[in-house]
Amino acid sequence: MQLATKTQIARLTLSLLTLVSFIFLLGVLVIVLCTGLQINPFRETTSSLLVSAFAGLIGVAAVLVLLNVATNVSLIADAKIAELNIEARPGTLRKWSIVFFTTAFLLVFLIFAGTYLSKERFLRVVHTQADEVLSANQPLLNEISQLLASGKPDDYERISGIRSYLQNQRQDLPELTIIYSGNFTGKPALYQTPTYFFHDDKGNAKYDPVYFRCTKNLDCDYLAKFFSGEKVEAFQKYTLRDNQFYIYIPFTGKESRFVLLFERTNSNGKIGL
């Protein structure tokens, strides 16, 4: 192989290796942000493609390193370094630094902006699903209000059955929790309908109250206002790290009032395929 050809290969592989390293470092930045903050603004298909591309870059970089080392060793054996007349271009490092940090800034902006927009969009999806359930089952919601007012164990079992029906009409519906208020030794308390009921020998349901543990700075104040008699609108919120989406929809019936909590988990965003 001629000296000129080897020189071209060495320069080409070095340029490609620089480009691959550039992309690889940007990928590391994205992985650190997404993993460290437990966020993912990309759809499932896009996430898989990005992971595959990142793994592929490692293989490409290994091949380029081997090729570049081989050609450079051959060049050193064929000619002296001084005879190659290789001179560094002034300002090249500065230009690469500017391009790298500009691209890195754009990637950081894309991740945070994409995560925010993705979560807002998915929150609207959950809200739409909740509205569909409510609009199609108003008689059942009125029945829940009547059953909560009576407070019999068999009535709570019926409420649990209604809850199960409402959240299992379709595969993609969010999980539903029915929250209601009560008293414990004269103090207000929040309860939720239990999932399972035990029965005695006569087949009567045994009801053990299940407390609903609200979260400070998330829903405690909202629930306290509603159950104290204040008029509140639907409340929606999502958490950034554990990818939980919450829709609180208050319902005031003739006999009692309660809150329907719709909850879904989604770890992927809406960007990409």
C-alpha atoms as a PDB file:
ATOM      1  CA  MET A   1       0.000   0.000   0.000  1.00  0.00           C
ATOM      2  CA  GLN A   2       1.389   3.395  -0.998  1.00  0.00           C
ATOM      3  CA  LEU A   3       2.379   5.972   1.582  1.00  0.00           C
ATOM      4  CA  ALA A   4      -0.185   8.503   0.343  1.00  0.00           C
ATOM      5  CA  THR A   5      -2.988   5.939   0.649  1.00  0.00           C
ATOM      6  CA  LYS A   6      -1.954   5.006   4.173  1.00  0.00           C
ATOM      7  CA  THR A   7      -1.867   8.688   5.131  1.00  0.00           C
ATOM      8  CA  GLN A   8      -5.372   9.224   3.764  1.00  0.00           C
ATOM      9  CA  ILE A   9      -6.676   6.190   5.649  1.00  0.00           C
ATOM     10  CA  ALA A  10      -5.037   7.362   8.882  1.00  0.00           C
ATOM     11  CA  ARG A  11      -6.528  10.829   8.551  1.00  0.00           C
ATOM     12  CA  LEU A  12      -9.943   9.490   7.557  1.00  0.00           C
ATOM     13  CA  THR A  13     -10.121   7.028  10.447  1.00  0.00           C
ATOM     14  CA  LEU A  14      -8.976   9.712  12.869  1.00  0.00           C
ATOM     15  CA  SER A  15     -11.672  12.087  11.618  1.00  0.00           C
ATOM     16  CA  LEU A  16     -14.327   9.364  11.860  1.00  0.00           C
ATOM     17  CA  LEU A  17     -13.093   8.376  15.304  1.00  0.00           C
ATOM     18  CA  THR A  18     -13.346  12.004  16.401  1.00  0.00           C
ATOM     19  CA  LEU A  19     -16.920  12.171  15.070  1.00  0.00           C
ATOM     20  CA  VAL A  20     -17.881   8.873  16.763  1.00  0.00           C
ATOM     21  CA  SER A  21     -16.334  10.035  20.035  1.00  0.00           C
ATOM     22  CA  PHE A  22     -18.259  13.295  19.715  1.00  0.00           C
ATOM     23  CA  ILE A  23     -21.570  11.462  19.258  1.00  0.00           C
ATOM     24  CA  PHE A  24     -20.664   8.942  21.975  1.00  0.00           C
ATOM     25  CA  LEU A  25     -20.026  11.685  24.538  1.00  0.00           C
ATOM     26  CA  LEU A  26     -23.360  13.290  23.686  1.00  0.00           C
ATOM     27  CA  GLY A  27     -25.015   9.897  24.163  1.00  0.00           C
ATOM     28  CA  VAL A  28     -23.356   9.549  27.557  1.00  0.00           C
ATOM     29  CA  LEU A  29     -24.745  12.958  28.499  1.00  0.00           C
ATOM     30  CA  VAL A  30     -28.275  11.885  27.520  1.00  0.00           C
ATOM     31  CA  ILE A  31     -27.971   8.601  29.447  1.00  0.00           C
ATOM     32  CA  VAL A  32     -26.688  10.358  32.574  1.00  0.00           C
ATOM     33  CA  LEU A  33     -29.560  12.850  32.506  1.00  0.00           C
ATOM     34  CA  CYS A  34     -32.282  10.293  31.807  1.00  0.00           C
ATOM     35  CA  THR A  35     -30.947   7.707  34.261  1.00  0.00           C
ATOM     36  CA  GLY A  36     -29.968  10.123  37.002  1.00  0.00           C
ATOM     37  CA  LEU A  37     -33.271  12.023  36.921  1.00  0.00           C
ATOM     38  CA  GLN A  38     -35.321   8.927  36.015  1.00  0.00           C
ATOM     39  CA  ILE A  39     -36.959  10.589  33.038  1.00  0.00           C
ATOM     40  CA  ASN A  40     -37.455   9.463  29.447  1.00  0.00           C
ATOM     41  CA  PRO A  41     -39.045  11.821  26.880  1.00  0.00           C
ATOM     42  CA  PHE A  42     -38.798   9.274  24.054  1.00  0.00           C
ATOM     43  CA  ARG A  43     -41.320   6.701  22.850  1.00  0.00           C
ATOM     44  CA  GLU A  44     -40.628   2.977  23.236  1.00  0.00           C
ATOM     45  CA  THR A  45     -39.440   2.467  19.638  1.00  0.00           C
ATOM     46  CA  THR A  46     -37.207   5.537  19.709  1.00  0.00           C
ATOM     47  CA  SER A  47     -35.737   4.486  23.054  1.00  0.00           C
ATOM     48  CA  SER A  48     -34.829   1.061  21.641  1.00  0.00           C
ATOM     49  CA  LEU A  49     -33.286   2.616  18.525  1.00  0.00           C
ATOM     50  CA  LEU A  50     -31.191   5.031  20.567  1.00  0.00           C
ATOM     51  CA  VAL A  51     -29.909   2.263  22.844  1.00  0.00           C
ATOM     52  CA  SER A  52     -29.042   0.132  19.808  1.00  0.00           C
ATOM     53  CA  ALA A  53     -27.292   3.054  18.109  1.00  0.00           C
ATOM     54  CA  PHE A  54     -25.312   3.774  21.268  1.00  0.00           C
ATOM     55  CA  ALA A  55     -24.165   0.162  21.464  1.00  0.00           C
ATOM     56  CA  GLY A  56     -23.306   0.219  17.766  1.00  0.00           C
ATOM     57  CA  LEU A  57     -21.133   3.282  18.226  1.00  0.00           C
ATOM     58  CA  ILE A  58     -18.952   1.344  20.648  1.00  0.00           C
ATOM     59  CA  GLY A  59     -18.300  -1.299  18.003  1.00  0.00           C
ATOM     60  CA  VAL A  60     -17.627   1.310  15.310  1.00  0.00           C
ATOM     61  CA  ALA A  61     -15.202   3.138  17.588  1.00  0.00           C
ATOM     62  CA  ALA A  62     -13.309  -0.091  18.314  1.00  0.00           C
ATOM     63  CA  VAL A  63     -12.916  -0.844  14.596  1.00  0.00           C
ATOM     64  CA  LEU A  64     -11.777   2.703  13.829  1.00  0.00           C
ATOM     65  CA  VAL A  65      -9.219   2.620  16.641  1.00  0.00           C
ATOM     66  CA  LEU A  66      -7.727  -0.635  15.373  1.00  0.00           C
ATOM     67  CA  LEU A  67      -7.618   0.615  11.772  1.00  0.00           C
ATOM     68  CA  ASN A  68      -6.104   3.949  12.740  1.00  0.00           C
ATOM     69  CA  VAL A  69      -3.450   2.330  14.937  1.00  0.00           C
ATOM     70  CA  ALA A  70      -2.560  -0.152  12.194  1.00  0.00           C
ATOM     71  CA  THR A  71      -2.157   2.509   9.522  1.00  0.00           C
ATOM     72  CA  ASN A  72      -0.172   4.802  11.771  1.00  0.00           C
ATOM     73  CA  VAL A  73       2.180   2.017  12.798  1.00  0.00           C
ATOM     74  CA  SER A  74       2.663   1.266   9.114  1.00  0.00           C
ATOM     75  CA  LEU A  75       3.342   4.938   8.379  1.00  0.00           C
ATOM     76  CA  ILE A  76       5.944   5.142  11.125  1.00  0.00           C
ATOM     77  CA  ALA A  77       7.641   2.084   9.701  1.00  0.00           C
ATOM     78  CA  ASP A  78       7.638   3.509   6.145  1.00  0.00           C
ATOM     79  CA  ALA A  79       8.724   7.089   6.769  1.00  0.00           C
ATOM     80  CA  LYS A  80       9.916   9.479   9.373  1.00  0.00           C
ATOM     81  CA  ILE A  81       7.351  11.668  11.153  1.00  0.00           C
ATOM     82  CA  ALA A  82       9.124  14.825  10.039  1.00  0.00           C
ATOM     83  CA  GLU A  83       8.797  13.882   6.382  1.00  0.00           C
ATOM     84  CA  LEU A  84       4.994  13.759   6.607  1.00  0.00           C
ATOM     85  CA  ASN A  85       4.739  17.526   7.197  1.00  0.00           C
ATOM     86  CA  ILE A  86       1.617  17.214   9.365  1.00  0.00           C
ATOM     87  CA  GLU A  87       0.645  20.559  10.816  1.00  0.00           C
ATOM     88  CA  ALA A  88      -2.244  21.269  13.136  1.00  0.00           C
ATOM     89  CA  ARG A  89      -4.841  23.650  11.813  1.00  0.00           C
ATOM     90  CA  PRO A  90      -5.206  26.718  14.033  1.00  0.00           C
ATOM     91  CA  GLY A  91      -8.565  27.079  15.790  1.00  0.00           C
ATOM     92  CA  THR A  92      -9.699  23.492  15.095  1.00  0.00           C
ATOM     93  CA  LEU A  93      -9.980  22.521  18.788  1.00  0.00           C
ATOM     94  CA  ARG A  94     -11.916  25.708  19.567  1.00  0.00           C
ATOM     95  CA  LYS A  95     -14.381  25.061  16.742  1.00  0.00           C
ATOM     96  CA  TRP A  96     -14.979  21.469  17.877  1.00  0.00           C
ATOM     97  CA  SER A  97     -15.487  22.653  21.458  1.00  0.00           C
ATOM     98  CA  ILE A  98     -18.073  25.224  20.362  1.00  0.00           C
ATOM     99  CA  VAL A  99     -19.939  22.648  18.263  1.00  0.00           C
ATOM    100  CA  PHE A 100     -19.873  20.072  21.074  1.00  0.00           C
ATOM    101  CA  PHE A 101     -21.160  22.339  23.846  1.00  0.00           C
ATOM    102  CA  THR A 102     -23.796  23.895  21.565  1.00  0.00           C
ATOM    103  CA  THR A 103     -25.097  20.460  20.619  1.00  0.00           C
ATOM    104  CA  ALA A 104     -24.952  19.338  24.247  1.00  0.00           C
ATOM    105  CA  PHE A 105     -27.030  22.356  25.287  1.00  0.00           C
ATOM    106  CA  LEU A 106     -29.604  21.584  22.597  1.00  0.00           C
ATOM    107  CA  LEU A 107     -29.803  17.964  23.773  1.00  0.00           C
ATOM    108  CA  VAL A 108     -30.331  19.012  27.390  1.00  0.00           C
ATOM    109  CA  PHE A 109     -33.059  21.414  26.278  1.00  0.00           C
ATOM    110  CA  LEU A 110     -34.656  18.664  24.160  1.00  0.00           C
ATOM    111  CA  ILE A 111     -34.712  16.219  27.075  1.00  0.00           C
ATOM    112  CA  PHE A 112     -36.287  18.605  29.592  1.00  0.00           C
ATOM    113  CA  ALA A 113     -38.677  20.256  27.147  1.00  0.00           C
ATOM    114  CA  GLY A 114     -39.608  16.886  25.653  1.00  0.00           C
ATOM    115  CA  THR A 115     -40.214  15.385  29.086  1.00  0.00           C
ATOM    116  CA  TYR A 116     -42.460  18.273  30.111  1.00  0.00           C
ATOM    117  CA  LEU A 117     -44.490  18.220  26.893  1.00  0.00           C
ATOM    118  CA  SER A 118     -44.739  14.422  26.956  1.00  0.00           C
ATOM    119  CA  LYS A 119     -46.029  14.324  30.516  1.00  0.00           C
ATOM    120  CA  GLU A 120     -48.547  17.103  29.871  1.00  0.00           C
ATOM    121  CA  ARG A 121     -49.791  15.255  26.814  1.00  0.00           C
ATOM    122  CA  PHE A 122     -50.108  11.932  28.630  1.00  0.00           C
ATOM    123  CA  LEU A 123     -51.869  13.667  31.513  1.00  0.00           C
ATOM    124  CA  ARG A 124     -54.497  14.885  29.030  1.00  0.00           C
ATOM    125  CA  VAL A 125     -54.858  11.308  27.804  1.00  0.00           C
ATOM    126  CA  VAL A 126     -55.536  10.045  31.336  1.00  0.00           C
ATOM    127  CA  HIS A 127     -57.995  12.893  31.956  1.00  0.00           C
ATOM    128  CA  THR A 128     -59.870  12.062  28.763  1.00  0.00           C
ATOM    129  CA  GLN A 129     -60.118   8.402  29.791  1.00  0.00           C
ATOM    130  CA  ALA A 130     -61.412   9.412  33.220  1.00  0.00           C
ATOM    131  CA  ASP A 131     -64.046  11.702  31.685  1.00  0.00           C
ATOM    132  CA  GLU A 132     -65.197   8.868  29.422  1.00  0.00           C
ATOM    133  CA  VAL A 133     -65.694   6.574  32.409  1.00  0.00           C
ATOM    134  CA  LEU A 134     -67.646   9.187  34.355  1.00  0.00           C
ATOM    135  CA  SER A 135     -69.893  10.317  31.509  1.00  0.00           C
ATOM    136  CA  ALA A 136     -70.899   6.732  30.718  1.00  0.00           C
ATOM    137  CA  ASN A 137     -71.586   5.651  34.318  1.00  0.00           C
ATOM    138  CA  GLN A 138     -73.431   8.445  36.129  1.00  0.00           C
ATOM    139  CA  PRO A 139     -76.068   6.066  37.602  1.00  0.00           C
ATOM    140  CA  LEU A 140     -73.315   3.984  39.211  1.00  0.00           C
ATOM    141  CA  LEU A 141     -71.722   7.085  40.719  1.00  0.00           C
ATOM    142  CA  ASN A 142     -75.068   8.082  42.232  1.00  0.00           C
ATOM    143  CA  GLU A 143     -75.370   4.564  43.635  1.00  0.00           C
ATOM    144  CA  ILE A 144     -71.933   4.891  45.264  1.00  0.00           C
ATOM    145  CA  SER A 145     -73.102   8.100  46.943  1.00  0.00           C
ATOM    146  CA  GLN A 146     -76.144   6.303  48.372  1.00  0.00           C
ATOM    147  CA  LEU A 147     -74.126   3.304  49.531  1.00  0.00           C
ATOM    148  CA  LEU A 148     -71.518   5.454  51.301  1.00  0.00           C
ATOM    149  CA  ALA A 149     -74.307   7.212  53.187  1.00  0.00           C
ATOM    150  CA  SER A 150     -75.724   3.902  54.471  1.00  0.00           C
ATOM    151  CA  GLY A 151     -72.313   2.621  55.626  1.00  0.00           C
ATOM    152  CA  LYS A 152     -73.176  -1.101  55.751  1.00  0.00           C
ATOM    153  CA  PRO A 153     -70.429  -3.699  55.135  1.00  0.00           C
ATOM    154  CA  ASP A 154     -72.323  -5.233  52.226  1.00  0.00           C
ATOM    155  CA  ASP A 155     -72.655  -1.766  50.706  1.00  0.00           C
ATOM    156  CA  TYR A 156     -68.897  -1.263  50.765  1.00  0.00           C
ATOM    157  CA  GLU A 157     -68.465  -4.583  49.010  1.00  0.00           C
ATOM    158  CA  ARG A 158     -70.876  -3.378  46.334  1.00  0.00           C
ATOM    159  CA  ILE A 159     -68.855  -0.153  45.998  1.00  0.00           C
ATOM    160  CA  SER A 160     -65.708  -2.196  45.510  1.00  0.00           C
ATOM    161  CA  GLY A 161     -67.444  -4.151  42.773  1.00  0.00           C
ATOM    162  CA  ILE A 162     -68.473  -0.932  41.022  1.00  0.00           C
ATOM    163  CA  ARG A 163     -64.910   0.369  41.252  1.00  0.00           C
ATOM    164  CA  SER A 164     -63.584  -2.830  39.686  1.00  0.00           C
ATOM    165  CA  TYR A 165     -66.127  -2.574  36.881  1.00  0.00           C
ATOM    166  CA  LEU A 166     -65.286   1.051  36.123  1.00  0.00           C
ATOM    167  CA  GLN A 167     -61.532   0.478  35.841  1.00  0.00           C
ATOM    168  CA  ASN A 168     -61.713  -2.771  33.865  1.00  0.00           C
ATOM    169  CA  GLN A 169     -64.028  -1.893  30.993  1.00  0.00           C
ATOM    170  CA  ARG A 170     -61.020  -1.490  28.706  1.00  0.00           C
ATOM    171  CA  GLN A 171     -57.417  -2.625  28.890  1.00  0.00           C
ATOM    172  CA  ASP A 172     -55.913   0.871  28.807  1.00  0.00           C
ATOM    173  CA  LEU A 173     -58.061   2.483  31.490  1.00  0.00           C
ATOM    174  CA  PRO A 174     -56.249   3.970  34.515  1.00  0.00           C
ATOM    175  CA  GLU A 175     -56.420   2.408  37.964  1.00  0.00           C
ATOM    176  CA  LEU A 176     -59.290   3.782  40.041  1.00  0.00           C
ATOM    177  CA  THR A 177     -59.439   4.496  43.769  1.00  0.00           C
ATOM    178  CA  ILE A 178     -62.564   5.774  45.524  1.00  0.00           C
ATOM    179  CA  ILE A 179     -61.733   8.118  48.406  1.00  0.00           C
ATOM    180  CA  TYR A 180     -64.259   9.116  51.046  1.00  0.00           C
ATOM    181  CA  SER A 181     -64.130  10.799  54.437  1.00  0.00           C
ATOM    182  CA  GLY A 182     -65.024   9.610  57.889  1.00  0.00           C
ATOM    183  CA  ASN A 183     -64.173  10.054  61.553  1.00  0.00           C
ATOM    184  CA  PHE A 184     -61.808   8.285  63.889  1.00  0.00           C
ATOM    185  CA  THR A 185     -62.338   9.125  67.557  1.00  0.00           C
ATOM    186  CA  GLY A 186     -63.815  12.465  66.534  1.00  0.00           C
ATOM    187  CA  LYS A 187     -61.042  13.368  64.108  1.00  0.00           C
ATOM    188  CA  PRO A 188     -61.452  13.515  60.314  1.00  0.00           C
ATOM    189  CA  ALA A 189     -59.918  10.656  58.378  1.00  0.00           C
ATOM    190  CA  LEU A 190     -59.611   9.655  54.738  1.00  0.00           C
ATOM    191  CA  TYR A 191     -60.581   6.171  53.616  1.00  0.00           C
ATOM    192  CA  GLN A 192     -60.527   4.218  50.386  1.00  0.00           C
ATOM    193  CA  THR A 193     -62.641   1.296  49.340  1.00  0.00           C
ATOM    194  CA  PRO A 194     -60.813  -2.005  49.978  1.00  0.00           C
ATOM    195  CA  THR A 195     -60.119  -4.439  47.182  1.00  0.00           C
ATOM    196  CA  TYR A 196     -60.875  -7.661  49.053  1.00  0.00           C
ATOM    197  CA  PHE A 197     -63.569  -8.580  51.568  1.00  0.00           C
ATOM    198  CA  PHE A 198     -63.758 -11.450  54.024  1.00  0.00           C
ATOM    199  CA  HIS A 199     -67.060 -13.108  54.888  1.00  0.00           C
ATOM    200  CA  ASP A 200     -68.330 -14.780  58.012  1.00  0.00           C
ATOM    201  CA  ASP A 201     -69.981 -18.188  58.203  1.00  0.00           C
ATOM    202  CA  LYS A 202     -73.292 -16.693  57.121  1.00  0.00           C
ATOM    203  CA  GLY A 203     -71.800 -15.083  54.050  1.00  0.00           C
ATOM    204  CA  ASN A 204     -71.942 -11.535  55.371  1.00  0.00           C
ATOM    205  CA  ALA A 205     -69.087  -9.259  54.349  1.00  0.00           C
ATOM    206  CA  LYS A 206     -66.641  -8.086  57.010  1.00  0.00           C
ATOM    207  CA  TYR A 207     -65.562  -4.512  56.486  1.00  0.00           C
ATOM    208  CA  ASP A 208     -62.230  -3.283  57.810  1.00  0.00           C
ATOM    209  CA  PRO A 209     -61.638   0.385  56.953  1.00  0.00           C
ATOM    210  CA  VAL A 210     -58.623   1.063  54.744  1.00  0.00           C
ATOM    211  CA  TYR A 211     -57.034   4.468  55.240  1.00  0.00           C
ATOM    212  CA  PHE A 212     -56.051   6.556  52.269  1.00  0.00           C
ATOM    213  CA  ARG A 213     -52.621   8.062  52.841  1.00  0.00           C
ATOM    214  CA  CYS A 214     -52.485  11.418  51.145  1.00  0.00           C
ATOM    215  CA  THR A 215     -49.195  13.050  50.194  1.00  0.00           C
ATOM    216  CA  LYS A 216     -48.131  16.400  51.564  1.00  0.00           C
ATOM    217  CA  ASN A 217     -47.821  19.080  48.898  1.00  0.00           C
ATOM    218  CA  LEU A 218     -49.636  16.779  46.495  1.00  0.00           C
ATOM    219  CA  ASP A 219     -53.225  16.060  47.484  1.00  0.00           C
ATOM    220  CA  CYS A 220     -53.732  16.493  51.267  1.00  0.00           C
ATOM    221  CA  ASP A 221     -54.852  20.126  51.065  1.00  0.00           C
ATOM    222  CA  TYR A 222     -57.051  19.434  48.059  1.00  0.00           C
ATOM    223  CA  LEU A 223     -58.883  16.544  49.760  1.00  0.00           C
ATOM    224  CA  ALA A 224     -59.238  18.482  53.016  1.00  0.00           C
ATOM    225  CA  LYS A 225     -60.913  21.388  51.202  1.00  0.00           C
ATOM    226  CA  PHE A 226     -63.302  19.140  49.310  1.00  0.00           C
ATOM    227  CA  PHE A 227     -64.427  17.071  52.280  1.00  0.00           C
ATOM    228  CA  SER A 228     -64.842  20.196  54.411  1.00  0.00           C
ATOM    229  CA  GLY A 229     -67.563  21.292  52.025  1.00  0.00           C
ATOM    230  CA  GLU A 230     -65.690  23.636  49.707  1.00  0.00           C
ATOM    231  CA  LYS A 231     -66.333  23.548  45.991  1.00  0.00           C
ATOM    232  CA  VAL A 232     -63.262  22.351  44.088  1.00  0.00           C
ATOM    233  CA  GLU A 233     -62.525  21.486  40.490  1.00  0.00           C
ATOM    234  CA  ALA A 234     -60.832  18.388  39.173  1.00  0.00           C
ATOM    235  CA  PHE A 235     -57.198  18.207  40.226  1.00  0.00           C
ATOM    236  CA  GLN A 236     -54.439  16.690  38.119  1.00  0.00           C
ATOM    237  CA  LYS A 237     -50.763  16.196  38.771  1.00  0.00           C
ATOM    238  CA  TYR A 238     -47.832  14.031  37.784  1.00  0.00           C
ATOM    239  CA  THR A 239     -44.589  13.141  39.504  1.00  0.00           C
ATOM    240  CA  LEU A 240     -41.310  13.565  37.652  1.00  0.00           C
ATOM    241  CA  ARG A 241     -39.238  10.686  39.003  1.00  0.00           C
ATOM    242  CA  ASP A 242     -41.617   7.739  39.373  1.00  0.00           C
ATOM    243  CA  ASN A 243     -43.745   8.688  36.310  1.00  0.00           C
ATOM    244  CA  GLN A 244     -47.081   8.598  38.116  1.00  0.00           C
ATOM    245  CA  PHE A 245     -50.088  10.476  36.710  1.00  0.00           C
ATOM    246  CA  TYR A 246     -52.992  11.420  38.981  1.00  0.00           C
ATOM    247  CA  ILE A 247     -56.459  12.756  38.172  1.00  0.00           C
ATOM    248  CA  TYR A 248     -58.682  13.630  41.153  1.00  0.00           C
ATOM    249  CA  ILE A 249     -62.327  14.092  40.172  1.00  0.00           C
ATOM    250  CA  PRO A 250     -64.706  15.168  42.965  1.00  0.00           C
ATOM    251  CA  PHE A 251     -68.257  13.883  42.973  1.00  0.00           C
ATOM    252  CA  THR A 252     -71.003  15.369  45.122  1.00  0.00           C
ATOM    253  CA  GLY A 253     -74.153  13.280  45.324  1.00  0.00           C
ATOM    254  CA  LYS A 254     -77.371  13.833  47.189  1.00  0.00           C
ATOM    255  CA  GLU A 255     -76.368  11.612  50.101  1.00  0.00           C
ATOM    256  CA  SER A 256     -72.562  11.944  50.268  1.00  0.00           C
ATOM    257  CA  ARG A 257     -69.474  13.108  48.438  1.00  0.00           C
ATOM    258  CA  PHE A 258     -66.345  11.269  47.368  1.00  0.00           C
ATOM    259  CA  VAL A 259     -63.336  11.571  45.070  1.00  0.00           C
ATOM    260  CA  LEU A 260     -62.445   9.324  42.189  1.00  0.00           C
ATOM    261  CA  LEU A 261     -58.675   9.029  41.842  1.00  0.00           C
ATOM    262  CA  PHE A 262     -57.506   7.843  38.437  1.00  0.00           C
ATOM    263  CA  GLU A 263     -53.867   6.799  38.339  1.00  0.00           C
ATOM    264  CA  ARG A 264     -51.553   5.565  35.604  1.00  0.00           C
ATOM    265  CA  THR A 265     -47.841   4.917  35.230  1.00  0.00           C
ATOM    266  CA  ASN A 266     -45.924   5.710  32.061  1.00  0.00           C
ATOM    267  CA  SER A 267     -42.130   5.789  31.842  1.00  0.00           C
ATOM    268  CA  ASN A 268     -41.858   6.702  28.158  1.00  0.00           C
ATOM    269  CA  GLY A 269     -42.441  10.033  26.493  1.00  0.00           C
ATOM    270  CA  LYS A 270     -44.148  11.041  23.269  1.00  0.00           C
ATOM    271  CA  ILE A 271     -41.145  12.083  21.172  1.00  0.00           C
ATOM    272  CA  GLY A 272     -40.199   9.946  18.191  1.00  0.00           C
ATOM    273  CA  LEU A 273     -41.745   6.858  16.636  1.00  0.00           C
END
